[in-house]
Protein backbone atom coordinates (compact mmCIF):
# COMPACT_ATOMS: atom_id res chain seq x y z
CA MET A 1 4.18 -7.38 4.41
CA LEU A 2 4.66 -2.98 3.98
CA SER A 3 6.19 -2.43 0.24
CA ALA A 4 3.09 -4.35 -0.80
CA VAL A 5 0.12 -2.81 1.27
CA LEU A 6 -0.71 -0.20 -1.68
CA ALA A 7 0.70 -2.07 -4.60
CA LEU A 8 -1.24 -2.72 -8.09
CA ALA A 9 -1.23 -5.41 -10.04
CA ALA A 10 -0.35 -4.52 -13.99
CA PRO A 11 -3.87 -4.43 -15.30
CA LEU A 12 -5.09 -2.36 -12.87
CA VAL A 13 -2.47 0.47 -13.99
CA VAL A 14 -3.71 -0.51 -16.99
CA ALA A 15 -7.37 0.49 -16.52
CA GLN A 16 -6.37 4.34 -13.89
CA ASP A 17 -4.69 4.92 -17.31
CA SER A 18 -7.90 4.53 -19.03
CA ALA A 19 -9.30 5.94 -16.35
CA GLU A 20 -7.67 9.34 -16.47
CA THR A 21 -9.08 10.19 -19.66
CA LYS A 22 -12.61 10.49 -18.52
CA GLY A 23 -11.34 12.56 -15.41
CA PRO A 24 -8.55 13.63 -12.99
CA SER A 25 -6.62 10.83 -11.41
CA LEU A 26 -6.94 8.79 -8.53
CA TYR A 27 -3.25 10.57 -7.92
CA ASP A 28 -4.56 13.82 -8.86
CA ARG A 29 -7.97 13.67 -6.71
CA LEU A 30 -5.66 12.19 -3.47
CA GLY A 31 -3.86 15.98 -3.48
CA GLY A 32 -0.65 14.65 -5.54
CA LEU A 33 2.67 13.80 -4.00
CA ALA A 34 2.57 15.51 -0.88
CA PRO A 35 -0.92 14.40 0.53
CA VAL A 36 0.21 11.13 -0.56
CA SER A 37 3.29 10.46 1.05
CA VAL A 38 1.92 12.23 4.37
CA VAL A 39 -0.93 9.42 4.28
CA VAL A 40 2.12 6.38 3.39
CA SER A 41 4.21 7.90 6.45
CA ASP A 42 1.28 7.87 8.49
CA PHE A 43 0.69 4.07 7.97
CA ILE A 44 4.03 2.97 7.42
CA ASP A 45 4.34 4.42 11.21
CA ALA A 46 1.38 2.52 11.95
CA LEU A 47 2.56 -0.44 10.72
CA VAL A 48 5.90 -0.83 12.19
CA PRO A 49 4.83 -1.15 15.72
CA ASP A 50 1.64 -2.84 15.28
CA GLU A 51 1.65 -5.77 17.88
CA VAL A 52 -0.65 -8.52 15.85
CA LEU A 53 1.57 -8.06 12.58
CA ASN A 54 4.73 -8.65 14.51
CA ALA A 55 3.62 -11.72 16.54
CA ASN A 56 3.96 -13.02 12.89
CA PRO A 57 8.47 -14.00 13.35
CA ALA A 58 8.97 -13.61 9.92
CA ILE A 59 7.35 -9.90 9.61
CA ASP A 60 8.33 -8.96 13.08
CA GLU A 61 12.29 -9.86 11.73
CA ALA A 62 12.12 -8.01 8.16
CA ARG A 63 10.38 -4.79 10.08
CA LYS A 64 14.22 -5.10 12.00
CA ARG A 65 15.74 -5.66 8.92
CA VAL A 66 14.19 -3.04 6.35
CA PRO A 67 14.61 1.01 7.86
CA ALA A 68 10.58 2.53 8.01
CA PRO A 69 12.13 5.32 5.79
CA TYR A 70 13.09 3.22 2.93
CA LEU A 71 9.66 1.37 2.97
CA LYS A 72 7.77 5.03 3.19
CA TYR A 73 9.84 5.80 0.15
CA GLN A 74 8.91 2.55 -2.00
CA VAL A 75 5.14 2.41 -0.65
CA THR A 76 5.46 5.79 -1.55
CA ALA A 77 6.85 5.65 -4.88
CA LEU A 78 3.67 2.75 -5.64
CA VAL A 79 1.53 4.62 -4.65
CA CYS A 80 2.31 7.31 -6.66
CA GLN A 81 2.43 5.43 -9.92
CA VAL A 82 -0.91 3.14 -8.95
CA THR A 83 -3.00 6.06 -8.77
CA GLY A 84 -1.73 7.51 -12.15
CA GLY A 85 1.59 9.97 -10.85
CA PRO A 86 4.52 10.86 -12.29
CA CYS A 87 6.47 8.45 -10.18
CA GLN A 88 8.48 5.01 -11.25
CA TYR A 89 8.29 2.48 -8.77
CA GLN A 90 11.81 0.69 -8.77
CA GLY A 91 10.73 -2.75 -5.90
CA ARG A 92 10.41 -6.22 -6.12
CA ASP A 93 6.94 -7.48 -7.32
CA MET A 94 4.98 -8.01 -5.02
CA LYS A 95 4.65 -12.02 -4.44
CA SER A 96 8.25 -12.28 -4.64
CA SER A 97 8.98 -9.68 -1.80
CA HIS A 98 6.50 -11.10 0.43
CA ALA A 99 6.53 -14.83 -0.16
CA HIS A 100 8.96 -15.47 2.86
CA LEU A 101 6.89 -13.64 5.02
CA ASN A 102 3.94 -15.91 5.57
CA ILE A 103 1.43 -13.16 5.68
CA THR A 104 -2.11 -15.11 7.17
CA GLU A 105 -5.42 -13.57 6.21
CA ALA A 106 -5.88 -12.65 9.85
CA GLU A 107 -2.66 -10.00 9.59
CA TRP A 108 -3.67 -8.82 5.75
CA GLY A 109 -7.46 -7.84 7.00
CA ARG A 110 -5.22 -6.31 10.19
CA MET A 111 -3.06 -4.25 7.61
CA VAL A 112 -6.59 -3.09 5.40
CA SER A 113 -7.80 -2.13 9.43
CA ILE A 114 -4.68 -0.14 9.68
CA PHE A 115 -5.34 1.27 6.40
CA LYS A 116 -8.60 2.41 6.88
CA GLU A 117 -8.16 4.05 10.44
CA VAL A 118 -4.82 5.94 8.32
CA LEU A 119 -7.31 7.19 5.59
CA ALA A 120 -10.32 7.93 7.71
CA LYS A 121 -7.73 10.11 10.06
CA HIS A 122 -6.89 12.20 6.68
CA SER A 123 -10.56 12.26 5.57
CA VAL A 124 -9.91 10.79 2.45
CA PRO A 125 -13.16 10.94 0.62
CA GLU A 126 -15.29 7.73 0.09
CA GLN A 127 -14.64 6.95 -3.28
CA GLU A 128 -11.23 7.56 -3.00
CA THR A 129 -10.52 5.71 -0.43
CA GLN A 130 -12.59 2.85 -2.19
CA GLU A 131 -10.95 2.99 -5.00
CA LEU A 132 -7.24 2.53 -2.95
CA LEU A 133 -8.93 -0.65 -0.92
CA ASP A 134 -9.64 -2.18 -4.55
CA ILE A 135 -5.72 -1.12 -5.23
CA VAL A 136 -4.69 -3.25 -2.30
CA GLU A 137 -6.89 -6.04 -2.64
CA SER A 138 -6.09 -6.73 -5.86
CA THR A 139 -2.22 -7.45 -4.55
CA LYS A 140 -3.89 -9.81 -1.26
CA VAL A 141 -3.25 -13.00 -4.04
CA ASP A 142 -0.03 -12.35 -4.00
CA ILE A 143 0.79 -11.41 -0.37
CA VAL A 144 -1.54 -13.86 1.53
CA THR A 145 -0.02 -17.58 1.86
CA MET A 146 -1.38 -18.88 4.85
């Protein structure tokens, strides 16, 4: 679940590319790699110990198996890429990386709630917050299985 939180489907990457011709990319409006990596780090730090999410045995096991620093690296690269930055995400697609986790609608909602809290903590502006939430929402169909 952690690697998917900020993932984006291919059609949205194309949409972001065309949006860049109209003004600064979302990546630039977020401030670039440093602020993106700080927000992702705080987000992963909030997700990893979450009792609601860890009540799912598959998520709990994955969190024990996959180190948080690795997740932070992968999610940062993904967010950088899908928001119009120069990074290249090298991880697996969202469907194959989350199918075994049996993520429920309630767990998805909890993750989104935590994400919103972290964005608010970092004073991410309303427009950029909504764009990030739209990106996250685009991955739901590949992540939520129950």
